[in-house]
């Protein structure tokens, strides 16, 4: 479903198209002195707005695809971490190494080594604490990287399962980094596209909304508030969309 914001931009564009078509019906009587209000300029503005909307749509699809791919790649990480801890525990790794691995595992899972203090008296302020749910994608990548480095220090960690092998884990780590970077790249692209679109639509002097409102004022000044010409466009609305 399209957001109400994106629908708002599309509505402004559709209303400019309606306004332009009505202006065509006025013929030569529509003759503003201001260049930006002339019919040719309105058609150019309309085409630019369409182009900006199309770019935003394309970039949105690319961004959504990138985020979906990232979610798919990261989703099995918690279960994989659990399996890695079990696999490591079954080797000749030292207790300290296993402890270090379990610490990283807890971070991947977003759990605490010790339970968070329970508040008994409802009138007593809760103790200040810092979240240990280090579950951002950047942090998960770093946790996996640390886990792999720990596993490398254990000569007896040589699982037969392909997905638990160090080489496979390194490939996974590389893929996670690439997927995360792709999201950032596509986010920057869609942000840039939205800035360009918003400039076309909402610049206070040259934007679609400002120009369209000025056109309505010009039509009212030429034909009069009660004229049939102005009534044709009076209810066509243009709004700033945040």
Protein backbone atom coordinates (compact mmCIF):
# COMPACT_ATOMS: atom_id res chain seq x y z
CA UNK A 1 0.00 0.00 0.00
CA UNK A 2 1.28 3.45 -0.86
CA UNK A 3 1.78 5.81 2.06
CA UNK A 4 -0.50 8.82 2.48
CA UNK A 5 2.56 11.01 1.96
CA UNK A 6 3.39 9.48 -1.42
CA UNK A 7 -0.30 9.65 -2.33
CA UNK A 8 -0.24 13.35 -1.43
CA UNK A 9 2.56 14.04 -3.92
CA UNK A 10 0.70 12.11 -6.62
CA UNK A 11 -2.48 14.07 -5.87
CA UNK A 12 -0.68 17.39 -6.31
CA UNK A 13 0.65 16.21 -9.67
CA UNK A 14 -2.77 14.95 -10.79
CA UNK A 15 -4.34 18.25 -9.79
CA UNK A 16 -1.73 20.18 -11.79
CA UNK A 17 -2.64 18.07 -14.80
CA UNK A 18 -6.31 18.91 -14.28
CA UNK A 19 -5.49 22.59 -13.91
CA UNK A 20 -3.37 22.59 -17.06
CA UNK A 21 -6.11 20.92 -19.10
CA UNK A 22 -8.64 23.52 -18.00
CA UNK A 23 -6.21 26.33 -18.86
CA UNK A 24 -5.93 24.91 -22.38
CA UNK A 25 -9.69 25.33 -22.70
CA UNK A 26 -9.35 29.06 -21.91
CA UNK A 27 -7.50 29.62 -25.15
CA UNK A 28 -5.69 32.90 -25.72
CA UNK A 29 -7.56 34.61 -22.88
CA UNK A 30 -5.12 32.93 -20.47
CA UNK A 31 -2.10 35.16 -20.93
CA UNK A 32 -0.11 35.85 -17.74
CA UNK A 33 2.95 38.09 -17.91
CA UNK A 34 4.93 35.98 -15.45
CA UNK A 35 6.89 33.35 -17.40
CA UNK A 36 6.44 30.61 -14.79
CA UNK A 37 2.66 30.86 -15.07
CA UNK A 38 2.48 30.48 -18.83
CA UNK A 39 1.01 27.31 -20.27
CA UNK A 40 4.30 26.08 -21.76
CA UNK A 41 6.04 26.51 -18.40
CA UNK A 42 3.26 24.61 -16.62
CA UNK A 43 3.59 21.71 -19.05
CA UNK A 44 7.36 21.67 -18.49
CA UNK A 45 6.83 21.71 -14.72
CA UNK A 46 4.33 18.90 -15.03
CA UNK A 47 6.79 16.78 -17.02
CA UNK A 48 9.56 17.44 -14.50
CA UNK A 49 7.30 16.47 -11.61
CA UNK A 50 6.37 13.23 -13.39
CA UNK A 51 10.04 12.45 -13.93
CA UNK A 52 10.86 13.13 -10.28
CA UNK A 53 8.02 10.89 -9.14
CA UNK A 54 9.20 8.09 -11.40
CA UNK A 55 12.75 8.29 -10.05
CA UNK A 56 11.50 8.16 -6.45
CA UNK A 57 9.37 5.13 -7.28
CA UNK A 58 12.28 3.31 -8.91
CA UNK A 59 14.64 4.13 -6.03
CA UNK A 60 12.00 3.03 -3.52
CA UNK A 61 11.71 -0.36 -5.19
CA UNK A 62 15.50 -0.75 -5.21
CA UNK A 63 15.71 0.23 -1.53
CA UNK A 64 12.93 -2.17 -0.52
CA UNK A 65 14.60 -4.99 -2.44
CA UNK A 66 17.90 -4.26 -0.70
CA UNK A 67 16.32 -4.25 2.77
CA UNK A 68 14.43 -7.46 2.02
CA UNK A 69 17.63 -9.16 0.87
CA UNK A 70 19.41 -8.02 4.02
CA UNK A 71 16.62 -9.30 6.25
CA UNK A 72 16.76 -12.67 4.51
CA UNK A 73 20.52 -12.98 4.96
CA UNK A 74 20.54 -11.92 8.63
CA UNK A 75 17.48 -13.94 9.70
CA UNK A 76 19.30 -17.29 10.28
CA UNK A 77 22.16 -15.68 12.24
CA UNK A 78 20.79 -16.37 15.73
CA UNK A 79 20.20 -20.06 15.06
CA UNK A 80 23.61 -20.32 13.41
CA UNK A 81 25.23 -18.75 16.48
CA UNK A 82 23.56 -21.33 18.72
CA UNK A 83 24.88 -24.16 16.55
CA UNK A 84 28.38 -22.67 16.54
CA UNK A 85 28.48 -22.51 20.33
CA UNK A 86 27.43 -26.15 20.53
CA UNK A 87 29.98 -27.14 17.91
CA UNK A 88 32.73 -25.26 19.73
CA UNK A 89 31.78 -26.76 23.09
CA UNK A 90 32.23 -30.24 21.62
CA UNK A 91 35.87 -29.49 20.72
CA UNK A 92 38.98 -29.21 22.86
CA UNK A 93 38.55 -25.45 23.24
CA UNK A 94 39.53 -24.04 26.62
CA UNK A 95 36.79 -23.01 29.06
CA UNK A 96 37.80 -19.35 28.62
CA UNK A 97 37.48 -19.59 24.84
CA UNK A 98 34.05 -21.17 25.18
CA UNK A 99 33.10 -18.44 27.64
CA UNK A 100 34.23 -15.76 25.19
CA UNK A 101 32.22 -17.40 22.42
CA UNK A 102 29.13 -17.56 24.62
CA UNK A 103 29.51 -13.85 25.38
CA UNK A 104 29.41 -13.07 21.67
CA UNK A 105 26.53 -15.50 21.26
CA UNK A 106 24.51 -13.63 23.91
CA UNK A 107 25.15 -10.38 22.06
CA UNK A 108 23.90 -11.89 18.82
CA UNK A 109 20.81 -13.16 20.64
CA UNK A 110 20.32 -9.85 22.45
CA UNK A 111 20.26 -11.43 25.91
CA UNK A 112 22.00 -10.65 29.20
CA UNK A 113 24.59 -12.67 31.08
CA UNK A 114 22.67 -11.82 34.28
CA UNK A 115 18.98 -10.94 34.60
CA UNK A 116 17.99 -7.29 34.65
CA UNK A 117 17.20 -6.18 38.24
CA UNK A 118 13.53 -6.59 39.11
CA UNK A 119 11.78 -3.52 40.45
CA UNK A 120 9.87 -4.49 43.59
CA UNK A 121 8.54 -1.19 44.95
CA UNK A 122 6.47 0.61 42.26
CA UNK A 123 7.26 3.91 44.01
CA UNK A 124 11.00 3.40 43.60
CA UNK A 125 12.57 4.62 40.36
CA UNK A 126 13.82 1.85 38.10
CA UNK A 127 17.61 1.36 38.16
CA UNK A 128 19.50 3.04 35.36
CA UNK A 129 20.65 0.50 32.82
CA UNK A 130 22.12 0.37 29.34
CA UNK A 131 20.55 -1.86 26.71
CA UNK A 132 22.61 -4.91 25.81
CA UNK A 133 20.45 -5.77 22.82
CA UNK A 134 23.16 -4.92 20.34
CA UNK A 135 21.10 -6.00 17.40
CA UNK A 136 21.80 -3.38 14.77
CA UNK A 137 23.02 -4.83 11.51
CA UNK A 138 26.44 -3.19 11.90
CA UNK A 139 26.81 -4.67 15.37
CA UNK A 140 25.66 -8.11 14.27
CA UNK A 141 28.31 -8.07 11.57
CA UNK A 142 30.95 -7.16 14.13
CA UNK A 143 29.75 -9.88 16.50
CA UNK A 144 29.93 -12.52 13.78
CA UNK A 145 33.39 -11.31 12.80
CA UNK A 146 34.54 -11.65 16.43
CA UNK A 147 32.97 -15.09 16.68
CA UNK A 148 34.85 -16.24 13.58
CA UNK A 149 38.14 -14.92 14.99
CA UNK A 150 37.53 -16.89 18.19
CA UNK A 151 36.84 -20.06 16.22
CA UNK A 152 40.05 -19.61 14.25
CA UNK A 153 42.05 -19.91 17.47
CA UNK A 154 40.76 -23.43 18.11
CA UNK A 155 42.67 -26.01 16.00
CA UNK A 156 40.16 -28.72 16.88
CA UNK A 157 37.25 -26.69 15.50
CA UNK A 158 36.92 -28.49 12.15
CA UNK A 159 33.24 -29.30 11.64
CA UNK A 160 32.11 -31.56 8.81
CA UNK A 161 28.97 -29.45 8.32
CA UNK A 162 29.60 -27.10 5.41
CA UNK A 163 27.66 -24.18 6.84
CA UNK A 164 29.72 -24.28 10.06
CA UNK A 165 33.12 -24.26 8.38
CA UNK A 166 35.30 -21.16 8.73
CA UNK A 167 35.40 -20.63 4.95
CA UNK A 168 31.60 -20.69 4.78
CA UNK A 169 31.33 -18.32 7.72
CA UNK A 170 33.75 -15.91 6.05
CA UNK A 171 31.63 -15.99 2.90
CA UNK A 172 28.53 -15.31 4.99
CA UNK A 173 30.27 -12.43 6.72
CA UNK A 174 31.24 -10.93 3.35
CA UNK A 175 27.68 -11.31 2.07
CA UNK A 176 26.26 -9.64 5.17
CA UNK A 177 28.62 -6.71 4.76
CA UNK A 178 27.68 -6.36 1.09
CA UNK A 179 23.95 -6.52 1.84
CA UNK A 180 24.30 -3.93 4.60
CA UNK A 181 26.27 -1.61 2.33
CA UNK A 182 23.69 -2.03 -0.43
CA UNK A 183 20.96 -0.84 1.92
CA UNK A 184 23.00 2.24 2.83
CA UNK A 185 23.71 2.98 -0.83
CA UNK A 186 20.07 2.63 -1.83
CA UNK A 187 18.95 4.69 1.14
CA UNK A 188 21.21 7.53 0.03
CA UNK A 189 19.86 7.22 -3.52
CA UNK A 190 16.21 7.42 -2.49
CA UNK A 191 16.94 10.28 -0.08
CA UNK A 192 18.57 12.23 -2.90
CA UNK A 193 15.66 11.47 -5.23
CA UNK A 194 13.16 12.70 -2.64
CA UNK A 195 15.09 15.92 -2.14
CA UNK A 196 14.94 16.57 -5.89
CA UNK A 197 11.24 15.73 -6.01
CA UNK A 198 10.43 17.93 -3.03
CA UNK A 199 12.31 20.83 -4.62
CA UNK A 200 10.22 20.45 -7.79
CA UNK A 201 6.99 20.17 -5.84
CA UNK A 202 7.49 22.45 -2.84
CA UNK A 203 10.12 25.11 -3.47
CA UNK A 204 8.53 28.29 -2.06
CA UNK A 205 8.98 30.24 -5.31
CA UNK A 206 9.36 27.75 -8.15
CA UNK A 207 7.68 24.61 -6.77
CA UNK A 208 4.59 22.99 -8.24
CA UNK A 209 2.34 23.98 -5.35
CA UNK A 210 3.51 27.60 -5.28
CA UNK A 211 3.12 27.95 -9.06
CA UNK A 212 -0.28 26.27 -9.12
CA UNK A 213 -1.61 28.53 -6.35
CA UNK A 214 -0.28 31.56 -8.22
CA UNK A 215 -2.04 30.37 -11.36
CA UNK A 216 -5.31 30.13 -9.47
CA UNK A 217 -4.86 33.67 -8.20
CA UNK A 218 -4.14 34.91 -11.73
CA UNK A 219 -7.27 33.22 -13.08
CA UNK A 220 -9.33 34.77 -10.31
CA UNK A 221 -7.89 38.21 -11.10
CA UNK A 222 -8.63 37.91 -14.82
CA UNK A 223 -12.07 36.33 -14.82
CA UNK A 224 -13.38 37.25 -11.36
CA UNK A 225 -14.27 35.18 -8.33
CA UNK A 226 -17.82 34.46 -9.50
CA UNK A 227 -16.87 33.68 -13.09
CA UNK A 228 -17.48 30.23 -14.58
CA UNK A 229 -13.79 30.12 -15.54
CA UNK A 230 -12.67 30.47 -11.93
CA UNK A 231 -15.33 28.07 -10.67
CA UNK A 232 -13.77 25.40 -12.88
CA UNK A 233 -10.53 25.51 -10.93
CA UNK A 234 -11.53 26.91 -7.55
CA UNK A 235 -11.85 23.54 -5.83
CA UNK A 236 -8.65 22.09 -7.25
CA UNK A 237 -6.40 21.91 -4.21
CA UNK A 238 -2.65 21.99 -3.83
CA UNK A 239 -1.05 21.22 -0.48
CA UNK A 240 2.44 21.06 0.98
CA UNK A 241 3.19 17.44 1.86
CA UNK A 242 5.80 16.87 4.56
